[in-house]
PDB file of N, CA and C in Angstrom:
ATOM      1  N   MET A   1     -19.032 -83.314  30.375  1.00  0.00           N
ATOM      2  CA  MET A   1     -17.838 -82.510  30.269  1.00  0.00           C
ATOM      3  C   MET A   1     -17.927 -81.376  31.305  1.00  0.00           C
ATOM      4  N   ALA A   2     -16.920 -81.228  32.144  1.00  0.00           N
ATOM      5  CA  ALA A   2     -16.886 -80.215  33.196  1.00  0.00           C
ATOM      6  C   ALA A   2     -16.530 -78.860  32.601  1.00  0.00           C
ATOM      7  N   GLN A   3     -17.167 -77.814  33.161  1.00  0.00           N
ATOM      8  CA  GLN A   3     -16.866 -76.456  32.725  1.00  0.00           C
ATOM      9  C   GLN A   3     -16.383 -75.646  33.917  1.00  0.00           C
ATOM     10  N   ASP A   4     -15.453 -74.757  33.675  1.00  0.00           N
ATOM     11  CA  ASP A   4     -15.012 -73.824  34.697  1.00  0.00           C
ATOM     12  C   ASP A   4     -15.921 -72.598  34.643  1.00  0.00           C
ATOM     13  N   LEU A   5     -16.403 -72.174  35.809  1.00  0.00           N
ATOM     14  CA  LEU A   5     -17.232 -70.987  35.886  1.00  0.00           C
ATOM     15  C   LEU A   5     -16.427 -69.845  36.480  1.00  0.00           C
ATOM     16  N   MET A   6     -16.664 -68.661  35.988  1.00  0.00           N
ATOM     17  CA  MET A   6     -15.955 -67.498  36.483  1.00  0.00           C
ATOM     18  C   MET A   6     -16.911 -66.671  37.343  1.00  0.00           C
ATOM     19  N   ASN A   7     -16.457 -66.239  38.496  1.00  0.00           N
ATOM     20  CA  ASN A   7     -17.246 -65.391  39.376  1.00  0.00           C
ATOM     21  C   ASN A   7     -17.148 -63.950  38.875  1.00  0.00           C
ATOM     22  N   PRO A   8     -18.274 -63.343  38.446  1.00  0.00           N
ATOM     23  CA  PRO A   8     -18.213 -61.975  37.906  1.00  0.00           C
ATOM     24  C   PRO A   8     -17.939 -60.911  38.970  1.00  0.00           C
ATOM     25  N   CYS A   9     -17.990 -61.291  40.235  1.00  0.00           N
ATOM     26  CA  CYS A   9     -17.729 -60.329  41.310  1.00  0.00           C
ATOM     27  C   CYS A   9     -16.246 -60.094  41.514  1.00  0.00           C
ATOM     28  N   GLY A  10     -15.435 -60.937  40.973  1.00  0.00           N
ATOM     29  CA  GLY A  10     -14.003 -60.800  41.172  1.00  0.00           C
ATOM     30  C   GLY A  10     -13.577 -61.383  42.504  1.00  0.00           C
ATOM     31  N   ILE A  11     -12.380 -61.049  42.914  1.00  0.00           N
ATOM     32  CA  ILE A  11     -11.834 -61.544  44.166  1.00  0.00           C
ATOM     33  C   ILE A  11     -12.153 -60.526  45.262  1.00  0.00           C
ATOM     34  N   PHE A  12     -12.673 -60.997  46.362  1.00  0.00           N
ATOM     35  CA  PHE A  12     -12.983 -60.105  47.470  1.00  0.00           C
ATOM     36  C   PHE A  12     -12.664 -60.816  48.773  1.00  0.00           C
ATOM     37  N   ALA A  13     -12.503 -60.052  49.814  1.00  0.00           N
ATOM     38  CA  ALA A  13     -12.192 -60.604  51.129  1.00  0.00           C
ATOM     39  C   ALA A  13     -13.252 -60.166  52.123  1.00  0.00           C
ATOM     40  N   ASN A  14     -13.612 -61.056  53.008  1.00  0.00           N
ATOM     41  CA  ASN A  14     -14.520 -60.720  54.105  1.00  0.00           C
ATOM     42  C   ASN A  14     -13.688 -60.502  55.353  1.00  0.00           C
ATOM     43  N   GLU A  15     -13.928 -59.385  56.004  1.00  0.00           N
ATOM     44  CA  GLU A  15     -13.224 -59.113  57.243  1.00  0.00           C
ATOM     45  C   GLU A  15     -14.218 -59.187  58.393  1.00  0.00           C
ATOM     46  N   ASP A  16     -13.810 -59.844  59.447  1.00  0.00           N
ATOM     47  CA  ASP A  16     -14.669 -59.903  60.624  1.00  0.00           C
ATOM     48  C   ASP A  16     -14.711 -58.527  61.267  1.00  0.00           C
ATOM     49  N   ALA A  17     -15.897 -58.121  61.666  1.00  0.00           N
ATOM     50  CA  ALA A  17     -16.072 -56.837  62.336  1.00  0.00           C
ATOM     51  C   ALA A  17     -16.954 -57.065  63.554  1.00  0.00           C
ATOM     52  N   PRO A  18     -16.695 -56.340  64.623  1.00  0.00           N
ATOM     53  CA  PRO A  18     -17.538 -56.505  65.810  1.00  0.00           C
ATOM     54  C   PRO A  18     -18.934 -55.973  65.545  1.00  0.00           C
ATOM     55  N   LEU A  19     -19.918 -56.515  66.249  1.00  0.00           N
ATOM     56  CA  LEU A  19     -21.278 -56.028  66.139  1.00  0.00           C
ATOM     57  C   LEU A  19     -21.372 -54.632  66.737  1.00  0.00           C
ATOM     58  N   ALA A  20     -22.281 -53.833  66.215  1.00  0.00           N
ATOM     59  CA  ALA A  20     -22.487 -52.488  66.740  1.00  0.00           C
ATOM     60  C   ALA A  20     -23.032 -52.581  68.165  1.00  0.00           C
ATOM     61  N   VAL A  21     -22.662 -51.616  68.968  1.00  0.00           N
ATOM     62  CA  VAL A  21     -23.163 -51.549  70.338  1.00  0.00           C
ATOM     63  C   VAL A  21     -24.651 -51.240  70.285  1.00  0.00           C
ATOM     64  N   ARG A  22     -25.438 -51.987  71.025  1.00  0.00           N
ATOM     65  CA  ARG A  22     -26.880 -51.745  71.041  1.00  0.00           C
ATOM     66  C   ARG A  22     -27.183 -50.513  71.870  1.00  0.00           C
ATOM     67  N   GLY A  23     -28.031 -49.683  71.331  1.00  0.00           N
ATOM     68  CA  GLY A  23     -28.423 -48.461  72.010  1.00  0.00           C
ATOM     69  C   GLY A  23     -29.834 -48.588  72.534  1.00  0.00           C
ATOM     70  N   LYS A  24     -30.640 -47.610  72.216  1.00  0.00           N
ATOM     71  CA  LYS A  24     -32.024 -47.598  72.656  1.00  0.00           C
ATOM     72  C   LYS A  24     -32.809 -48.706  71.971  1.00  0.00           C
ATOM     73  N   MET A  25     -33.914 -49.083  72.599  1.00  0.00           N
ATOM     74  CA  MET A  25     -34.767 -50.129  72.037  1.00  0.00           C
ATOM     75  C   MET A  25     -36.185 -49.606  71.863  1.00  0.00           C
ATOM     76  N   ILE A  26     -36.786 -49.951  70.752  1.00  0.00           N
ATOM     77  CA  ILE A  26     -38.196 -49.622  70.550  1.00  0.00           C
ATOM     78  C   ILE A  26     -38.997 -50.409  71.573  1.00  0.00           C
ATOM     79  N   GLY A  27     -39.901 -49.740  72.265  1.00  0.00           N
ATOM     80  CA  GLY A  27     -40.685 -50.399  73.298  1.00  0.00           C
ATOM     81  C   GLY A  27     -40.041 -50.322  74.667  1.00  0.00           C
ATOM     82  N   GLY A  28     -38.864 -49.720  74.757  1.00  0.00           N
ATOM     83  CA  GLY A  28     -38.191 -49.572  76.048  1.00  0.00           C
ATOM     84  C   GLY A  28     -38.677 -48.325  76.771  1.00  0.00           C
ATOM     85  N   ASP A  29     -37.894 -47.883  77.759  1.00  0.00           N
ATOM     86  CA  ASP A  29     -38.280 -46.719  78.562  1.00  0.00           C
ATOM     87  C   ASP A  29     -37.850 -45.396  77.937  1.00  0.00           C
ATOM     88  N   ASP A  30     -36.769 -45.418  77.150  1.00  0.00           N
ATOM     89  CA  ASP A  30     -36.247 -44.184  76.558  1.00  0.00           C
ATOM     90  C   ASP A  30     -37.005 -43.810  75.291  1.00  0.00           C
ATOM     91  N   LYS A  31     -37.086 -42.506  75.023  1.00  0.00           N
ATOM     92  CA  LYS A  31     -37.675 -42.009  73.783  1.00  0.00           C
ATOM     93  C   LYS A  31     -36.790 -42.442  72.623  1.00  0.00           C
ATOM     94  N   VAL A  32     -37.392 -42.933  71.553  1.00  0.00           N
ATOM     95  CA  VAL A  32     -36.671 -43.398  70.377  1.00  0.00           C
ATOM     96  C   VAL A  32     -37.116 -42.559  69.180  1.00  0.00           C
ATOM     97  N   VAL A  33     -36.152 -42.086  68.406  1.00  0.00           N
ATOM     98  CA  VAL A  33     -36.463 -41.320  67.204  1.00  0.00           C
ATOM     99  C   VAL A  33     -36.165 -42.203  65.995  1.00  0.00           C
ATOM    100  N   ILE A  34     -37.188 -42.405  65.177  1.00  0.00           N
ATOM    101  CA  ILE A  34     -37.043 -43.200  63.955  1.00  0.00           C
ATOM    102  C   ILE A  34     -37.097 -42.255  62.768  1.00  0.00           C
ATOM    103  N   GLY A  35     -36.055 -42.262  61.967  1.00  0.00           N
ATOM    104  CA  GLY A  35     -36.031 -41.472  60.750  1.00  0.00           C
ATOM    105  C   GLY A  35     -36.709 -42.251  59.637  1.00  0.00           C
ATOM    106  N   LEU A  36     -37.614 -41.600  58.947  1.00  0.00           N
ATOM    107  CA  LEU A  36     -38.295 -42.195  57.800  1.00  0.00           C
ATOM    108  C   LEU A  36     -37.823 -41.424  56.576  1.00  0.00           C
ATOM    109  N   PHE A  37     -37.031 -42.094  55.742  1.00  0.00           N
ATOM    110  CA  PHE A  37     -36.351 -41.426  54.631  1.00  0.00           C
ATOM    111  C   PHE A  37     -36.923 -41.907  53.306  1.00  0.00           C
ATOM    112  N   SER A  38     -37.332 -40.967  52.473  1.00  0.00           N
ATOM    113  CA  SER A  38     -38.012 -41.294  51.228  1.00  0.00           C
ATOM    114  C   SER A  38     -37.357 -40.598  50.048  1.00  0.00           C
ATOM    115  N   ASN A  39     -37.353 -41.277  48.886  1.00  0.00           N
ATOM    116  CA  ASN A  39     -36.878 -40.627  47.667  1.00  0.00           C
ATOM    117  C   ASN A  39     -38.032 -40.012  46.885  1.00  0.00           C
ATOM    118  N   GLN A  40     -39.211 -39.992  47.468  1.00  0.00           N
ATOM    119  CA  GLN A  40     -40.406 -39.336  46.948  1.00  0.00           C
ATOM    120  C   GLN A  40     -40.903 -39.922  45.630  1.00  0.00           C
ATOM    121  N   LYS A  41     -40.536 -41.137  45.310  1.00  0.00           N
ATOM    122  CA  LYS A  41     -41.117 -41.797  44.141  1.00  0.00           C
ATOM    123  C   LYS A  41     -42.478 -42.357  44.524  1.00  0.00           C
ATOM    124  N   ALA A  42     -43.200 -42.814  43.520  1.00  0.00           N
ATOM    125  CA  ALA A  42     -44.554 -43.317  43.740  1.00  0.00           C
ATOM    126  C   ALA A  42     -44.570 -44.375  44.835  1.00  0.00           C
ATOM    127  N   ASN A  43     -45.429 -44.189  45.807  1.00  0.00           N
ATOM    128  CA  ASN A  43     -45.684 -45.113  46.916  1.00  0.00           C
ATOM    129  C   ASN A  43     -44.620 -45.137  48.000  1.00  0.00           C
ATOM    130  N   ALA A  44     -43.495 -44.471  47.836  1.00  0.00           N
ATOM    131  CA  ALA A  44     -42.489 -44.448  48.908  1.00  0.00           C
ATOM    132  C   ALA A  44     -43.041 -43.710  50.118  1.00  0.00           C
ATOM    133  N   ASP A  45     -43.679 -42.555  49.903  1.00  0.00           N
ATOM    134  CA  ASP A  45     -44.257 -41.804  51.023  1.00  0.00           C
ATOM    135  C   ASP A  45     -45.444 -42.543  51.634  1.00  0.00           C
ATOM    136  N   LEU A  46     -46.224 -43.226  50.806  1.00  0.00           N
ATOM    137  CA  LEU A  46     -47.338 -44.030  51.316  1.00  0.00           C
ATOM    138  C   LEU A  46     -46.820 -45.134  52.235  1.00  0.00           C
ATOM    139  N   PHE A  47     -45.736 -45.776  51.839  1.00  0.00           N
ATOM    140  CA  PHE A  47     -45.116 -46.808  52.673  1.00  0.00           C
ATOM    141  C   PHE A  47     -44.650 -46.214  54.004  1.00  0.00           C
ATOM    142  N   MET A  48     -44.005 -45.045  53.949  1.00  0.00           N
ATOM    143  CA  MET A  48     -43.526 -44.392  55.173  1.00  0.00           C
ATOM    144  C   MET A  48     -44.688 -43.986  56.069  1.00  0.00           C
ATOM    145  N   ASP A  49     -45.777 -43.491  55.483  1.00  0.00           N
ATOM    146  CA  ASP A  49     -46.963 -43.124  56.264  1.00  0.00           C
ATOM    147  C   ASP A  49     -47.525 -44.337  56.997  1.00  0.00           C
ATOM    148  N   ASN A  50     -47.628 -45.451  56.297  1.00  0.00           N
ATOM    149  CA  ASN A  50     -48.146 -46.677  56.917  1.00  0.00           C
ATOM    150  C   ASN A  50     -47.215 -47.197  58.002  1.00  0.00           C
ATOM    151  N   LEU A  51     -45.920 -47.139  57.765  1.00  0.00           N
ATOM    152  CA  LEU A  51     -44.955 -47.574  58.768  1.00  0.00           C
ATOM    153  C   LEU A  51     -45.053 -46.702  60.016  1.00  0.00           C
ATOM    154  N   GLU A  52     -45.175 -45.394  59.830  1.00  0.00           N
ATOM    155  CA  GLU A  52     -45.319 -44.488  60.964  1.00  0.00           C
ATOM    156  C   GLU A  52     -46.599 -44.788  61.748  1.00  0.00           C
ATOM    157  N   ASN A  53     -47.703 -45.009  61.049  1.00  0.00           N
ATOM    158  CA  ASN A  53     -48.967 -45.316  61.723  1.00  0.00           C
ATOM    159  C   ASN A  53     -48.900 -46.622  62.506  1.00  0.00           C
ATOM    160  N   LEU A  54     -48.325 -47.655  61.907  1.00  0.00           N
ATOM    161  CA  LEU A  54     -48.230 -48.959  62.573  1.00  0.00           C
ATOM    162  C   LEU A  54     -47.325 -48.905  63.798  1.00  0.00           C
ATOM    163  N   LEU A  55     -46.136 -48.334  63.651  1.00  0.00           N
ATOM    164  CA  LEU A  55     -45.204 -48.275  64.785  1.00  0.00           C
ATOM    165  C   LEU A  55     -45.689 -47.309  65.859  1.00  0.00           C
ATOM    166  N   GLY A  56     -46.278 -46.186  65.443  1.00  0.00           N
ATOM    167  CA  GLY A  56     -46.795 -45.221  66.405  1.00  0.00           C
ATOM    168  C   GLY A  56     -47.935 -45.777  67.236  1.00  0.00           C
ATOM    169  N   ALA A  57     -48.768 -46.626  66.628  1.00  0.00           N
ATOM    170  CA  ALA A  57     -49.875 -47.238  67.363  1.00  0.00           C
ATOM    171  C   ALA A  57     -49.393 -48.331  68.307  1.00  0.00           C
ATOM    172  N   ARG A  58     -48.283 -48.944  67.976  1.00  0.00           N
ATOM    173  CA  ARG A  58     -47.800 -50.086  68.770  1.00  0.00           C
ATOM    174  C   ARG A  58     -46.880 -49.683  69.911  1.00  0.00           C
ATOM    175  N   PHE A  59     -46.123 -48.596  69.735  1.00  0.00           N
ATOM    176  CA  PHE A  59     -45.127 -48.204  70.733  1.00  0.00           C
ATOM    177  C   PHE A  59     -45.366 -46.765  71.186  1.00  0.00           C
ATOM    178  N   ASP A  60     -45.298 -46.549  72.502  1.00  0.00           N
ATOM    179  CA  ASP A  60     -45.526 -45.219  73.069  1.00  0.00           C
ATOM    180  C   ASP A  60     -44.285 -44.335  73.050  1.00  0.00           C
ATOM    181  N   ASN A  61     -43.113 -44.940  72.971  1.00  0.00           N
ATOM    182  CA  ASN A  61     -41.881 -44.164  73.132  1.00  0.00           C
ATOM    183  C   ASN A  61     -41.239 -43.763  71.807  1.00  0.00           C
ATOM    184  N   VAL A  62     -42.027 -43.745  70.722  1.00  0.00           N
ATOM    185  CA  VAL A  62     -41.465 -43.498  69.394  1.00  0.00           C
ATOM    186  C   VAL A  62     -41.851 -42.115  68.882  1.00  0.00           C
ATOM    187  N   GLU A  63     -40.853 -41.418  68.356  1.00  0.00           N
ATOM    188  CA  GLU A  63     -41.055 -40.152  67.651  1.00  0.00           C
ATOM    189  C   GLU A  63     -40.511 -40.341  66.240  1.00  0.00           C
ATOM    190  N   PHE A  64     -41.101 -39.690  65.263  1.00  0.00           N
ATOM    191  CA  PHE A  64     -40.681 -39.862  63.877  1.00  0.00           C
ATOM    192  C   PHE A  64     -40.133 -38.559  63.322  1.00  0.00           C
ATOM    193  N   LEU A  65     -39.109 -38.684  62.503  1.00  0.00           N
ATOM    194  CA  LEU A  65     -38.500 -37.547  61.838  1.00  0.00           C
ATOM    195  C   LEU A  65     -38.391 -37.905  60.361  1.00  0.00           C
ATOM    196  N   ARG A  66     -38.946 -37.070  59.497  1.00  0.00           N
ATOM    197  CA  ARG A  66     -38.964 -37.360  58.062  1.00  0.00           C
ATOM    198  C   ARG A  66     -37.757 -36.756  57.366  1.00  0.00           C
ATOM    199  N   GLY A  67     -37.257 -37.495  56.384  1.00  0.00           N
ATOM    200  CA  GLY A  67     -36.194 -37.011  55.516  1.00  0.00           C
ATOM    201  C   GLY A  67     -36.568 -37.314  54.083  1.00  0.00           C
ATOM    202  N   TYR A  68     -36.187 -36.447  53.172  1.00  0.00           N
ATOM    203  CA  TYR A  68     -36.547 -36.604  51.762  1.00  0.00           C
ATOM    204  C   TYR A  68     -35.349 -36.298  50.885  1.00  0.00           C
ATOM    205  N   LYS A  69     -35.402 -36.859  49.679  1.00  0.00           N
ATOM    206  CA  LYS A  69     -34.419 -36.517  48.664  1.00  0.00           C
ATOM    207  C   LYS A  69     -35.079 -36.666  47.306  1.00  0.00           C
ATOM    208  N   ALA A  70     -34.549 -35.971  46.316  1.00  0.00           N
ATOM    209  CA  ALA A  70     -35.015 -36.171  44.947  1.00  0.00           C
ATOM    210  C   ALA A  70     -34.470 -37.511  44.463  1.00  0.00           C
ATOM    211  N   ALA A  71     -35.230 -38.198  43.656  1.00  0.00           N
ATOM    212  CA  ALA A  71     -34.872 -39.551  43.251  1.00  0.00           C
ATOM    213  C   ALA A  71     -33.553 -39.630  42.491  1.00  0.00           C
ATOM    214  N   SER A  72     -33.192 -38.588  41.778  1.00  0.00           N
ATOM    215  CA  SER A  72     -32.028 -38.679  40.897  1.00  0.00           C
ATOM    216  C   SER A  72     -30.746 -38.080  41.475  1.00  0.00           C
ATOM    217  N   VAL A  73     -30.772 -37.659  42.722  1.00  0.00           N
ATOM    218  CA  VAL A  73     -29.569 -37.054  43.315  1.00  0.00           C
ATOM    219  C   VAL A  73     -29.194 -37.781  44.597  1.00  0.00           C
ATOM    220  N   PRO A  74     -27.923 -37.737  44.986  1.00  0.00           N
ATOM    221  CA  PRO A  74     -27.514 -38.365  46.255  1.00  0.00           C
ATOM    222  C   PRO A  74     -28.200 -37.701  47.447  1.00  0.00           C
ATOM    223  N   ALA A  75     -28.336 -38.448  48.508  1.00  0.00           N
ATOM    224  CA  ALA A  75     -28.975 -37.937  49.723  1.00  0.00           C
ATOM    225  C   ALA A  75     -28.090 -36.886  50.380  1.00  0.00           C
ATOM    226  N   ASN A  76     -28.723 -35.871  50.934  1.00  0.00           N
ATOM    227  CA  ASN A  76     -28.033 -34.843  51.694  1.00  0.00           C
ATOM    228  C   ASN A  76     -28.737 -34.760  53.046  1.00  0.00           C
ATOM    229  N   PHE A  77     -28.253 -35.502  54.028  1.00  0.00           N
ATOM    230  CA  PHE A  77     -28.893 -35.577  55.335  1.00  0.00           C
ATOM    231  C   PHE A  77     -28.612 -34.318  56.142  1.00  0.00           C
ATOM    232  N   SER A  78     -29.653 -33.784  56.768  1.00  0.00           N
ATOM    233  CA  SER A  78     -29.468 -32.621  57.625  1.00  0.00           C
ATOM    234  C   SER A  78     -28.770 -33.051  58.920  1.00  0.00           C
ATOM    235  N   ASP A  79     -28.144 -32.100  59.583  1.00  0.00           N
ATOM    236  CA  ASP A  79     -27.493 -32.392  60.863  1.00  0.00           C
ATOM    237  C   ASP A  79     -28.516 -32.881  61.882  1.00  0.00           C
ATOM    238  N   GLU A  80     -29.719 -32.287  61.873  1.00  0.00           N
ATOM    239  CA  GLU A  80     -30.766 -32.717  62.806  1.00  0.00           C
ATOM    240  C   GLU A  80     -31.121 -34.184  62.582  1.00  0.00           C
ATOM    241  N   PHE A  81     -31.257 -34.579  61.317  1.00  0.00           N
ATOM    242  CA  PHE A  81     -31.600 -35.970  61.001  1.00  0.00           C
ATOM    243  C   PHE A  81     -30.504 -36.915  61.490  1.00  0.00           C
ATOM    244  N   LEU A  82     -29.259 -36.561  61.236  1.00  0.00           N
ATOM    245  CA  LEU A  82     -28.139 -37.420  61.632  1.00  0.00           C
ATOM    246  C   LEU A  82     -27.966 -37.476  63.147  1.00  0.00           C
ATOM    247  N   ASP A  83     -28.169 -36.357  63.820  1.00  0.00           N
ATOM    248  CA  ASP A  83     -27.963 -36.290  65.274  1.00  0.00           C
ATOM    249  C   ASP A  83     -29.089 -36.926  66.072  1.00  0.00           C
ATOM    250  N   ARG A  84     -30.317 -36.807  65.607  1.00  0.00           N
ATOM    251  CA  ARG A  84     -31.458 -37.218  66.423  1.00  0.00           C
ATOM    252  C   ARG A  84     -31.918 -38.653  66.197  1.00  0.00           C
ATOM    253  N   CYS A  85     -31.715 -39.206  65.001  1.00  0.00           N
ATOM    254  CA  CYS A  85     -32.283 -40.522  64.680  1.00  0.00           C
ATOM    255  C   CYS A  85     -31.524 -41.659  65.364  1.00  0.00           C
ATOM    256  N   ASP A  86     -32.292 -42.535  66.019  1.00  0.00           N
ATOM    257  CA  ASP A  86     -31.723 -43.756  66.579  1.00  0.00           C
ATOM    258  C   ASP A  86     -31.786 -44.898  65.579  1.00  0.00           C
ATOM    259  N   PHE A  87     -32.807 -44.870  64.726  1.00  0.00           N
ATOM    260  CA  PHE A  87     -33.008 -45.859  63.670  1.00  0.00           C
ATOM    261  C   PHE A  87     -33.469 -45.119  62.427  1.00  0.00           C
ATOM    262  N   VAL A  88     -33.242 -45.718  61.258  1.00  0.00           N
ATOM    263  CA  VAL A  88     -33.721 -45.129  60.004  1.00  0.00           C
ATOM    264  C   VAL A  88     -34.310 -46.232  59.144  1.00  0.00           C
ATOM    265  N   ALA A  89     -35.483 -45.947  58.577  1.00  0.00           N
ATOM    266  CA  ALA A  89     -36.098 -46.812  57.568  1.00  0.00           C
ATOM    267  C   ALA A  89     -36.123 -46.013  56.281  1.00  0.00           C
ATOM    268  N   ALA A  90     -35.677 -46.622  55.200  1.00  0.00           N
ATOM    269  CA  ALA A  90     -35.648 -45.934  53.910  1.00  0.00           C
ATOM    270  C   ALA A  90     -36.677 -46.556  52.983  1.00  0.00           C
ATOM    271  N   GLY A  91     -37.424 -45.711  52.285  1.00  0.00           N
ATOM    272  CA  GLY A  91     -38.422 -46.180  51.330  1.00  0.00           C
ATOM    273  C   GLY A  91     -38.111 -45.626  49.960  1.00  0.00           C
ATOM    274  N   PHE A  92     -37.868 -46.526  49.034  1.00  0.00           N
ATOM    275  CA  PHE A  92     -37.535 -46.128  47.664  1.00  0.00           C
ATOM    276  C   PHE A  92     -38.536 -46.780  46.734  1.00  0.00           C
ATOM    277  N   GLY A  93     -39.548 -46.030  46.356  1.00  0.00           N
ATOM    278  CA  GLY A  93     -40.601 -46.569  45.499  1.00  0.00           C
ATOM    279  C   GLY A  93     -40.262 -46.398  44.031  1.00  0.00           C
ATOM    280  N   ASP A  94     -41.034 -47.070  43.225  1.00  0.00           N
ATOM    281  CA  ASP A  94     -40.907 -46.933  41.772  1.00  0.00           C
ATOM    282  C   ASP A  94     -42.204 -47.257  41.110  1.00  0.00           C
TER     283      ASP A  94
END
């Protein structure tokens, strides 16, 4: 006996969007700033520390900028973080 299944996501539409313009590249000639953003839960900062060590050892053109937030509140990015970061990695531990 066949059953009808209902999609719990409801009706949605996908819109085609152009790809973002590529900017600086890690390992290229330009200085790259990577933002490491943590919610300060257990092991999130440890993950960010390891990521910084691995990328810093592998690439000469990388600078890191740290960002933090309390786990229970929305992020409030500083102007410096938003203006300077070329890439951002977020670590949310639990």
